[in-house]
PDB file of all heavy atoms in Angstrom:
ATOM      1  N   TYR A   1       0.928  -1.204   0.004  1.00  0.00           N
ATOM      2  CA  TYR A   1       0.002  -0.021   0.041  1.00  0.00           C
ATOM      3  C   TYR A   1       0.844   1.308  -0.036  1.00  0.00           C
ATOM      4  O   TYR A   1       0.649   2.166  -0.769  1.00  0.00           O
ATOM      5  CB  TYR A   1      -0.922  -0.037   1.191  1.00  0.00           C
ATOM      6  CG  TYR A   1      -1.579   1.317   1.387  1.00  0.00           C
ATOM      7  CD1 TYR A   1      -2.681   1.661   0.557  1.00  0.00           C
ATOM      8  CD2 TYR A   1      -1.148   2.280   2.296  1.00  0.00           C
ATOM      9  CE1 TYR A   1      -3.313   2.949   0.679  1.00  0.00           C
ATOM     10  CE2 TYR A   1      -1.776   3.512   2.363  1.00  0.00           C
ATOM     11  CZ  TYR A   1      -2.850   3.793   1.595  1.00  0.00           C
ATOM     12  OH  TYR A   1      -3.445   5.092   1.726  1.00  0.00           O
ATOM     13  N   LYS A   2       1.881   1.297   0.803  1.00  0.00           N
ATOM     14  CA  LYS A   2       2.814   2.409   0.872  1.00  0.00           C
ATOM     15  C   LYS A   2       3.453   2.611  -0.551  1.00  0.00           C
ATOM     16  O   LYS A   2       3.659   3.852  -1.007  1.00  0.00           O
ATOM     17  CB  LYS A   2       3.863   2.185   1.907  1.00  0.00           C
ATOM     18  CG  LYS A   2       3.362   2.361   3.359  1.00  0.00           C
ATOM     19  CD  LYS A   2       4.433   2.197   4.402  1.00  0.00           C
ATOM     20  CE  LYS A   2       3.994   2.320   5.830  1.00  0.00           C
ATOM     21  NZ  LYS A   2       5.071   2.289   6.789  1.00  0.00           N
ATOM     22  N   LYS A   3       3.861   1.522  -1.135  1.00  0.00           N
ATOM     23  CA  LYS A   3       4.514   1.599  -2.451  1.00  0.00           C
ATOM     24  C   LYS A   3       3.548   2.234  -3.548  1.00  0.00           C
ATOM     25  O   LYS A   3       3.970   3.162  -4.217  1.00  0.00           O
ATOM     26  CB  LYS A   3       5.022   0.203  -2.869  1.00  0.00           C
ATOM     27  CG  LYS A   3       5.683   0.255  -4.260  1.00  0.00           C
ATOM     28  CD  LYS A   3       6.014  -1.189  -4.686  1.00  0.00           C
ATOM     29  CE  LYS A   3       4.811  -1.878  -4.995  1.00  0.00           C
ATOM     30  NZ  LYS A   3       5.209  -3.278  -5.695  1.00  0.00           N
ATOM     31  N   TRP A   4       2.439   1.754  -3.486  1.00  0.00           N
ATOM     32  CA  TRP A   4       1.432   2.212  -4.562  1.00  0.00           C
ATOM     33  C   TRP A   4       0.875   3.599  -4.183  1.00  0.00           C
ATOM     34  O   TRP A   4       0.535   4.385  -5.150  1.00  0.00           O
ATOM     35  CB  TRP A   4       0.178   1.186  -4.631  1.00  0.00           C
ATOM     36  CG  TRP A   4       0.564   0.007  -5.519  1.00  0.00           C
ATOM     37  CD1 TRP A   4       0.807  -1.160  -5.049  1.00  0.00           C
ATOM     38  CD2 TRP A   4       0.805   0.046  -6.977  1.00  0.00           C
ATOM     39  NE1 TRP A   4       1.171  -2.067  -6.107  1.00  0.00           N
ATOM     40  CE2 TRP A   4       1.125  -1.297  -7.180  1.00  0.00           C
ATOM     41  CE3 TRP A   4       0.722   0.934  -7.965  1.00  0.00           C
ATOM     42  CZ2 TRP A   4       1.371  -1.632  -8.563  1.00  0.00           C
ATOM     43  CZ3 TRP A   4       0.973   0.610  -9.173  1.00  0.00           C
ATOM     44  CH2 TRP A   4       1.232  -0.673  -9.540  1.00  0.00           C
ATOM     45  N   ASN A   5       0.947   3.939  -2.935  1.00  0.00           N
ATOM     46  CA  ASN A   5       0.453   5.342  -2.505  1.00  0.00           C
ATOM     47  C   ASN A   5       1.547   6.290  -2.966  1.00  0.00           C
ATOM     48  O   ASN A   5       1.220   7.408  -3.458  1.00  0.00           O
ATOM     49  CB  ASN A   5       0.412   5.359  -1.036  1.00  0.00           C
ATOM     50  CG  ASN A   5      -0.184   6.656  -0.495  1.00  0.00           C
ATOM     51  OD1 ASN A   5      -1.277   7.245  -1.046  1.00  0.00           O
ATOM     52  ND2 ASN A   5       0.330   7.166   0.615  1.00  0.00           N
ATOM     53  N   THR A   6       2.819   5.946  -2.977  1.00  0.00           N
ATOM     54  CA  THR A   6       3.849   6.727  -3.407  1.00  0.00           C
ATOM     55  C   THR A   6       3.810   6.861  -4.997  1.00  0.00           C
ATOM     56  O   THR A   6       3.935   7.988  -5.537  1.00  0.00           O
ATOM     57  CB  THR A   6       5.228   6.207  -2.915  1.00  0.00           C
ATOM     58  OG1 THR A   6       5.185   6.202  -1.583  1.00  0.00           O
ATOM     59  CG2 THR A   6       6.311   7.011  -3.448  1.00  0.00           C
ATOM     60  N   ILE A   7       3.713   5.689  -5.668  1.00  0.00           N
ATOM     61  CA  ILE A   7       3.711   5.651  -7.063  1.00  0.00           C
ATOM     62  C   ILE A   7       2.573   6.432  -7.658  1.00  0.00           C
ATOM     63  O   ILE A   7       2.697   7.224  -8.564  1.00  0.00           O
ATOM     64  CB  ILE A   7       3.595   4.184  -7.587  1.00  0.00           C
ATOM     65  CG1 ILE A   7       4.956   3.487  -7.244  1.00  0.00           C
ATOM     66  CG2 ILE A   7       3.326   4.167  -9.095  1.00  0.00           C
ATOM     67  CD1 ILE A   7       4.968   2.006  -7.537  1.00  0.00           C
ATOM     68  N   LEU A   8       1.336   6.310  -7.134  1.00  0.00           N
ATOM     69  CA  LEU A   8       0.227   7.021  -7.712  1.00  0.00           C
ATOM     70  C   LEU A   8       0.146   8.432  -7.396  1.00  0.00           C
ATOM     71  O   LEU A   8      -0.245   9.359  -8.140  1.00  0.00           O
ATOM     72  CB  LEU A   8      -1.175   6.257  -7.240  1.00  0.00           C
ATOM     73  CG  LEU A   8      -1.353   4.923  -7.719  1.00  0.00           C
ATOM     74  CD1 LEU A   8      -2.606   4.351  -7.134  1.00  0.00           C
ATOM     75  CD2 LEU A   8      -1.420   4.942  -9.267  1.00  0.00           C
ATOM     76  N   GLY A   9       0.815   8.756  -6.310  1.00  0.00           N
ATOM     77  CA  GLY A   9       0.947  10.241  -5.877  1.00  0.00           C
ATOM     78  C   GLY A   9       1.837  10.880  -6.842  1.00  0.00           C
ATOM     79  O   GLY A   9       1.449  12.036  -7.457  1.00  0.00           O
ATOM     80  N   TRP A  10       3.022  10.380  -7.292  1.00  0.00           N
ATOM     81  CA  TRP A  10       3.876  10.923  -8.214  1.00  0.00           C
ATOM     82  C   TRP A  10       3.350  10.781  -9.610  1.00  0.00           C
ATOM     83  O   TRP A  10       3.648  11.605 -10.439  1.00  0.00           O
ATOM     84  CB  TRP A  10       5.269  10.275  -8.054  1.00  0.00           C
ATOM     85  CG  TRP A  10       6.045  10.629  -6.893  1.00  0.00           C
ATOM     86  CD1 TRP A  10       6.325   9.922  -5.748  1.00  0.00           C
ATOM     87  CD2 TRP A  10       6.606  11.996  -6.785  1.00  0.00           C
ATOM     88  NE1 TRP A  10       6.976  10.752  -4.931  1.00  0.00           N
ATOM     89  CE2 TRP A  10       7.204  12.058  -5.406  1.00  0.00           C
ATOM     90  CE3 TRP A  10       6.700  13.128  -7.475  1.00  0.00           C
ATOM     91  CZ2 TRP A  10       7.891  13.095  -4.863  1.00  0.00           C
ATOM     92  CZ3 TRP A  10       7.312  14.279  -6.960  1.00  0.00           C
ATOM     93  CH2 TRP A  10       7.953  14.240  -5.673  1.00  0.00           C
ATOM     94  N   PHE A  11       2.498   9.785  -9.833  1.00  0.00           N
ATOM     95  CA  PHE A  11       1.837   9.755 -11.203  1.00  0.00           C
ATOM     96  C   PHE A  11       0.906  10.919 -11.376  1.00  0.00           C
ATOM     97  O   PHE A  11       0.870  11.539 -12.352  1.00  0.00           O
ATOM     98  CB  PHE A  11       0.989   8.514 -11.318  1.00  0.00           C
ATOM     99  CG  PHE A  11       0.124   8.392 -12.458  1.00  0.00           C
ATOM    100  CD1 PHE A  11       0.666   8.086 -13.815  1.00  0.00           C
ATOM    101  CD2 PHE A  11      -1.281   8.579 -12.332  1.00  0.00           C
ATOM    102  CE1 PHE A  11      -0.182   8.023 -14.865  1.00  0.00           C
ATOM    103  CE2 PHE A  11      -2.034   8.438 -13.525  1.00  0.00           C
ATOM    104  CZ  PHE A  11      -1.520   8.293 -14.704  1.00  0.00           C
ATOM    105  N   SER A  12       0.099  11.287 -10.262  1.00  0.00           N
ATOM    106  CA  SER A  12      -0.791  12.368 -10.361  1.00  0.00           C
ATOM    107  C   SER A  12       0.105  13.760 -10.481  1.00  0.00           C
ATOM    108  O   SER A  12      -0.429  14.672 -11.247  1.00  0.00           O
ATOM    109  CB  SER A  12      -1.721  12.467  -9.073  1.00  0.00           C
ATOM    110  OG  SER A  12      -0.903  12.651  -8.033  1.00  0.00           O
ATOM    111  N   PHE A  13       1.199  13.757  -9.861  1.00  0.00           N
ATOM    112  CA  PHE A  13       2.067  14.915  -9.993  1.00  0.00           C
ATOM    113  C   PHE A  13       2.432  15.162 -11.475  1.00  0.00           C
ATOM    114  O   PHE A  13       2.495  16.123 -12.087  1.00  0.00           O
ATOM    115  CB  PHE A  13       3.294  14.760  -9.120  1.00  0.00           C
ATOM    116  CG  PHE A  13       4.382  15.708  -9.411  1.00  0.00           C
ATOM    117  CD1 PHE A  13       4.434  17.012  -8.831  1.00  0.00           C
ATOM    118  CD2 PHE A  13       5.498  15.333 -10.246  1.00  0.00           C
ATOM    119  CE1 PHE A  13       5.477  17.880  -9.124  1.00  0.00           C
ATOM    120  CE2 PHE A  13       6.479  16.152 -10.477  1.00  0.00           C
ATOM    121  CZ  PHE A  13       6.518  17.394 -10.001  1.00  0.00           C
ATOM    122  N   ALA A  14       2.813  13.909 -12.131  1.00  0.00           N
ATOM    123  CA  ALA A  14       3.357  13.949 -13.483  1.00  0.00           C
ATOM    124  C   ALA A  14       2.272  14.343 -14.465  1.00  0.00           C
ATOM    125  O   ALA A  14       2.443  15.124 -15.414  1.00  0.00           O
ATOM    126  CB  ALA A  14       3.872  12.587 -13.828  1.00  0.00           C
ATOM    127  N   VAL A  15       1.112  13.869 -14.228  1.00  0.00           N
ATOM    128  CA  VAL A  15      -0.026  14.251 -15.116  1.00  0.00           C
ATOM    129  C   VAL A  15      -0.246  15.683 -14.974  1.00  0.00           C
ATOM    130  O   VAL A  15      -0.486  16.432 -16.111  1.00  0.00           O
ATOM    131  CB  VAL A  15      -1.330  13.512 -14.715  1.00  0.00           C
ATOM    132  CG1 VAL A  15      -2.607  14.027 -15.451  1.00  0.00           C
ATOM    133  CG2 VAL A  15      -1.189  12.009 -14.994  1.00  0.00           C
ATOM    134  N   ALA A  16      -0.255  16.263 -13.733  1.00  0.00           N
ATOM    135  CA  ALA A  16      -0.526  17.714 -13.626  1.00  0.00           C
ATOM    136  C   ALA A  16       0.569  18.517 -14.181  1.00  0.00           C
ATOM    137  O   ALA A  16       0.341  19.573 -14.833  1.00  0.00           O
ATOM    138  CB  ALA A  16      -0.596  18.043 -12.135  1.00  0.00           C
ATOM    139  N   LEU A  17       1.876  18.155 -13.953  1.00  0.00           N
ATOM    140  CA  LEU A  17       2.960  18.884 -14.556  1.00  0.00           C
ATOM    141  C   LEU A  17       2.983  18.926 -16.082  1.00  0.00           C
ATOM    142  O   LEU A  17       3.222  19.943 -16.620  1.00  0.00           O
ATOM    143  CB  LEU A  17       4.271  18.312 -13.937  1.00  0.00           C
ATOM    144  CG  LEU A  17       5.637  19.058 -14.453  1.00  0.00           C
ATOM    145  CD1 LEU A  17       5.535  20.570 -13.853  1.00  0.00           C
ATOM    146  CD2 LEU A  17       6.731  18.417 -13.932  1.00  0.00           C
ATOM    147  N   ILE A  18       2.717  17.705 -16.656  1.00  0.00           N
ATOM    148  CA  ILE A  18       2.656  17.647 -18.118  1.00  0.00           C
ATOM    149  C   ILE A  18       1.605  18.616 -18.672  1.00  0.00           C
ATOM    150  O   ILE A  18       1.700  19.286 -19.593  1.00  0.00           O
ATOM    151  CB  ILE A  18       2.457  16.268 -18.531  1.00  0.00           C
ATOM    152  CG1 ILE A  18       3.782  15.421 -18.249  1.00  0.00           C
ATOM    153  CG2 ILE A  18       2.204  16.220 -20.088  1.00  0.00           C
ATOM    154  CD1 ILE A  18       3.574  13.953 -18.518  1.00  0.00           C
ATOM    155  N   THR A  19       0.380  18.503 -17.999  1.00  0.00           N
ATOM    156  CA  THR A  19      -0.780  19.278 -18.384  1.00  0.00           C
ATOM    157  C   THR A  19      -0.411  20.807 -18.333  1.00  0.00           C
ATOM    158  O   THR A  19      -0.716  21.519 -19.350  1.00  0.00           O
ATOM    159  CB  THR A  19      -1.976  18.924 -17.565  1.00  0.00           C
ATOM    160  OG1 THR A  19      -2.279  17.539 -17.632  1.00  0.00           O
ATOM    161  CG2 THR A  19      -3.150  19.720 -17.996  1.00  0.00           C
ATOM    162  N   TYR A  20       0.076  21.219 -17.191  1.00  0.00           N
ATOM    163  CA  TYR A  20       0.346  22.652 -17.024  1.00  0.00           C
ATOM    164  C   TYR A  20       1.460  23.101 -17.996  1.00  0.00           C
ATOM    165  O   TYR A  20       1.512  24.245 -18.362  1.00  0.00           O
ATOM    166  CB  TYR A  20       0.633  22.999 -15.600  1.00  0.00           C
ATOM    167  CG  TYR A  20      -0.614  22.570 -14.657  1.00  0.00           C
ATOM    168  CD1 TYR A  20      -0.248  22.054 -13.371  1.00  0.00           C
ATOM    169  CD2 TYR A  20      -1.810  22.730 -15.146  1.00  0.00           C
ATOM    170  CE1 TYR A  20      -1.422  21.679 -12.554  1.00  0.00           C
ATOM    171  CE2 TYR A  20      -2.914  22.273 -14.340  1.00  0.00           C
ATOM    172  CZ  TYR A  20      -2.635  21.767 -13.039  1.00  0.00           C
ATOM    173  OH  TYR A  20      -3.602  21.397 -12.204  1.00  0.00           O
ATOM    174  N   THR A  21       2.390  22.311 -18.146  1.00  0.00           N
ATOM    175  CA  THR A  21       3.653  22.729 -18.984  1.00  0.00           C
ATOM    176  C   THR A  21       3.164  22.885 -20.429  1.00  0.00           C
ATOM    177  O   THR A  21       3.607  23.776 -21.176  1.00  0.00           O
ATOM    178  CB  THR A  21       4.707  21.673 -18.899  1.00  0.00           C
ATOM    179  OG1 THR A  21       5.111  21.491 -17.582  1.00  0.00           O
ATOM    180  CG2 THR A  21       5.941  22.032 -19.672  1.00  0.00           C
ATOM    181  N   LEU A  22       2.330  21.989 -20.900  1.00  0.00           N
ATOM    182  CA  LEU A  22       1.819  22.029 -22.288  1.00  0.00           C
ATOM    183  C   LEU A  22       0.860  23.196 -22.473  1.00  0.00           C
ATOM    184  O   LEU A  22       0.659  23.617 -23.650  1.00  0.00           O
ATOM    185  CB  LEU A  22       1.107  20.704 -22.644  1.00  0.00           C
ATOM    186  CG  LEU A  22       2.025  19.528 -22.787  1.00  0.00           C
ATOM    187  CD1 LEU A  22       1.179  18.163 -23.055  1.00  0.00           C
ATOM    188  CD2 LEU A  22       3.070  19.704 -23.842  1.00  0.00           C
ATOM    189  N   THR A  23       0.186  23.691 -21.436  1.00  0.00           N
ATOM    190  CA  THR A  23      -0.778  24.791 -21.552  1.00  0.00           C
ATOM    191  C   THR A  23      -0.298  26.084 -20.954  1.00  0.00           C
ATOM    192  O   THR A  23      -1.140  26.993 -20.620  1.00  0.00           O
ATOM    193  CB  THR A  23      -2.105  24.316 -20.990  1.00  0.00           C
ATOM    194  OG1 THR A  23      -1.876  23.953 -19.630  1.00  0.00           O
ATOM    195  CG2 THR A  23      -2.647  23.206 -21.704  1.00  0.00           C
ATOM    196  N   LEU A  24       0.977  26.207 -20.645  1.00  0.00           N
ATOM    197  CA  LEU A  24       1.565  27.435 -20.094  1.00  0.00           C
ATOM    198  C   LEU A  24       1.185  28.748 -20.871  1.00  0.00           C
ATOM    199  O   LEU A  24       1.171  28.671 -22.172  1.00  0.00           O
ATOM    200  CB  LEU A  24       3.027  27.430 -19.923  1.00  0.00           C
ATOM    201  CG  LEU A  24       3.617  26.623 -18.701  1.00  0.00           C
ATOM    202  CD1 LEU A  24       5.130  26.669 -18.896  1.00  0.00           C
ATOM    203  CD2 LEU A  24       3.178  27.258 -17.396  1.00  0.00           C
ATOM    204  N   GLU A  25       0.882  29.807 -20.226  1.00  0.00           N
ATOM    205  CA  GLU A  25       0.840  31.088 -20.830  1.00  0.00           C
ATOM    206  C   GLU A  25       2.206  31.368 -21.451  1.00  0.00           C
ATOM    207  O   GLU A  25       3.187  31.293 -20.759  1.00  0.00           O
ATOM    208  CB  GLU A  25       0.487  32.154 -19.962  1.00  0.00           C
ATOM    209  CG  GLU A  25      -1.027  32.175 -19.406  1.00  0.00           C
ATOM    210  CD  GLU A  25      -1.881  32.795 -20.402  1.00  0.00           C
ATOM    211  OE1 GLU A  25      -1.414  33.255 -21.419  1.00  0.00           O
ATOM    212  OE2 GLU A  25      -3.177  32.963 -20.065  1.00  0.00           O
ATOM    213  N   PRO A  26       2.328  31.702 -22.768  1.00  0.00           N
ATOM    214  CA  PRO A  26       3.706  32.033 -23.303  1.00  0.00           C
ATOM    215  C   PRO A  26       4.206  33.307 -22.946  1.00  0.00           C
ATOM    216  O   PRO A  26       5.432  33.559 -23.070  1.00  0.00           O
ATOM    217  CB  PRO A  26       3.339  31.971 -24.829  1.00  0.00           C
ATOM    218  CG  PRO A  26       1.874  32.298 -24.973  1.00  0.00           C
ATOM    219  CD  PRO A  26       1.206  31.734 -23.733  1.00  0.00           C
ATOM    220  N   THR A  27       3.333  34.244 -22.482  1.00  0.00           N
ATOM    221  CA  THR A  27       3.791  35.637 -22.019  1.00  0.00           C
ATOM    222  C   THR A  27       2.989  35.925 -20.803  1.00  0.00           C
ATOM    223  O   THR A  27       2.347  35.156 -20.131  1.00  0.00           O
ATOM    224  CB  THR A  27       3.688  36.542 -23.247  1.00  0.00           C
ATOM    225  OG1 THR A  27       4.188  37.786 -22.725  1.00  0.00           O
ATOM    226  CG2 THR A  27       2.258  36.648 -23.611  1.00  0.00           C
ATOM    227  N   VAL A  28       2.795  37.255 -20.514  1.00  0.00           N
ATOM    228  CA  VAL A  28       2.053  37.760 -19.332  1.00  0.00           C
ATOM    229  C   VAL A  28       0.599  37.788 -19.619  1.00  0.00           C
ATOM    230  O   VAL A  28       0.227  37.899 -20.753  1.00  0.00           O
ATOM    231  CB  VAL A  28       2.555  39.082 -18.836  1.00  0.00           C
ATOM    232  CG1 VAL A  28       4.019  39.084 -18.536  1.00  0.00           C
ATOM    233  CG2 VAL A  28       2.180  40.083 -19.909  1.00  0.00           C
ATOM    234  N   SER A  29      -0.216  37.496 -18.545  1.00  0.00           N
ATOM    235  CA  SER A  29      -1.648  37.540 -18.611  1.00  0.00           C
ATOM    236  C   SER A  29      -2.060  39.040 -18.391  1.00  0.00           C
ATOM    237  O   SER A  29      -1.239  39.800 -17.657  1.00  0.00           O
ATOM    238  CB  SER A  29      -2.261  36.641 -17.583  1.00  0.00           C
ATOM    239  OG  SER A  29      -1.885  35.365 -17.852  1.00  0.00           O
ATOM    240  N   SER A  30      -3.181  39.435 -18.696  1.00  0.00           N
ATOM    241  CA  SER A  30      -3.583  40.823 -18.654  1.00  0.00           C
ATOM    242  C   SER A  30      -4.180  41.229 -17.287  1.00  0.00           C
ATOM    243  O   SER A  30      -5.298  41.641 -17.123  1.00  0.00           O
ATOM    244  CB  SER A  30      -4.653  41.073 -19.732  1.00  0.00           C
ATOM    245  OG  SER A  30      -4.087  40.869 -20.922  1.00  0.00           O
ATOM    246  N   TRP A  31      -3.319  40.997 -16.186  1.00  0.00           N
ATOM    247  CA  TRP A  31      -3.599  41.585 -14.943  1.00  0.00           C
ATOM    248  C   TRP A  31      -2.423  41.681 -14.065  1.00  0.00           C
ATOM    249  O   TRP A  31      -1.350  42.125 -14.656  1.00  0.00           O
ATOM    250  CB  TRP A  31      -4.814  40.851 -14.203  1.00  0.00           C
ATOM    251  CG  TRP A  31      -4.570  39.375 -13.796  1.00  0.00           C
ATOM    252  CD1 TRP A  31      -4.134  38.375 -14.689  1.00  0.00           C
ATOM    253  CD2 TRP A  31      -4.776  38.740 -12.645  1.00  0.00           C
ATOM    254  NE1 TRP A  31      -4.082  37.173 -14.041  1.00  0.00           N
ATOM    255  CE2 TRP A  31      -4.496  37.350 -12.693  1.00  0.00           C
ATOM    256  CE3 TRP A  31      -5.164  39.256 -11.325  1.00  0.00           C
ATOM    257  CZ2 TRP A  31      -4.483  36.408 -11.695  1.00  0.00           C
ATOM    258  CZ3 TRP A  31      -5.291  38.283 -10.341  1.00  0.00           C
ATOM    259  CH2 TRP A  31      -4.899  36.922 -10.387  1.00  0.00           C
ATOM    260  N   ASP A  32      -2.324  41.281 -12.826  1.00  0.00           N
ATOM    261  CA  ASP A  32      -1.162  41.473 -11.962  1.00  0.00           C
ATOM    262  C   ASP A  32       0.045  40.616 -12.402  1.00  0.00           C
ATOM    263  O   ASP A  32       1.124  40.986 -11.912  1.00  0.00           O
ATOM    264  CB  ASP A  32      -1.492  41.092 -10.545  1.00  0.00           C
ATOM    265  CG  ASP A  32      -2.435  42.146  -9.864  1.00  0.00           C
ATOM    266  OD1 ASP A  32      -2.669  43.096 -10.423  1.00  0.00           O
ATOM    267  OD2 ASP A  32      -2.870  41.862  -8.708  1.00  0.00           O
ATOM    268  N   CYS A  33      -0.114  39.640 -13.149  1.00  0.00           N
ATOM    269  CA  CYS A  33       0.944  38.773 -13.597  1.00  0.00           C
ATOM    270  C   CYS A  33       2.147  39.569 -14.170  1.00  0.00           C
ATOM    271  O   CYS A  33       3.271  39.173 -13.953  1.00  0.00           O
ATOM    272  CB  CYS A  33       0.416  37.735 -14.680  1.00  0.00           C
ATOM    273  SG  CYS A  33      -0.873  36.735 -14.119  1.00  0.00           S
ATOM    274  N   GLY A  34       1.833  40.580 -15.104  1.00  0.00           N
ATOM    275  CA  GLY A  34       2.937  41.260 -15.638  1.00  0.00           C
ATOM    276  C   GLY A  34       3.731  42.094 -14.613  1.00  0.00           C
ATOM    277  O   GLY A  34       5.051  42.037 -14.782  1.00  0.00           O
ATOM    278  N   GLU A  35       3.104  42.625 -13.568  1.00  0.00           N
ATOM    279  CA  GLU A  35       3.813  43.234 -12.483  1.00  0.00           C
ATOM    280  C   GLU A  35       4.689  42.200 -11.755  1.00  0.00           C
ATOM    281  O   GLU A  35       5.820  42.512 -11.497  1.00  0.00           O
ATOM    282  CB  GLU A  35       2.893  43.805 -11.541  1.00  0.00           C
ATOM    283  CG  GLU A  35       3.564  44.552 -10.393  1.00  0.00           C
ATOM    284  CD  GLU A  35       2.606  44.804  -9.246  1.00  0.00           C
ATOM    285  OE1 GLU A  35       1.379  44.605  -9.417  1.00  0.00           O
ATOM    286  OE2 GLU A  35       3.096  45.277  -8.101  1.00  0.00           O
TER     287      GLU A  35
END
């Protein structure tokens, strides 16, 4: 259980990181982000 809890935790991390990296804003968004 500990092993699969660790593996699936990092799997969810990888899914999130890939998703956000592929959909990153290429530049600033039109509010406080530019500042």
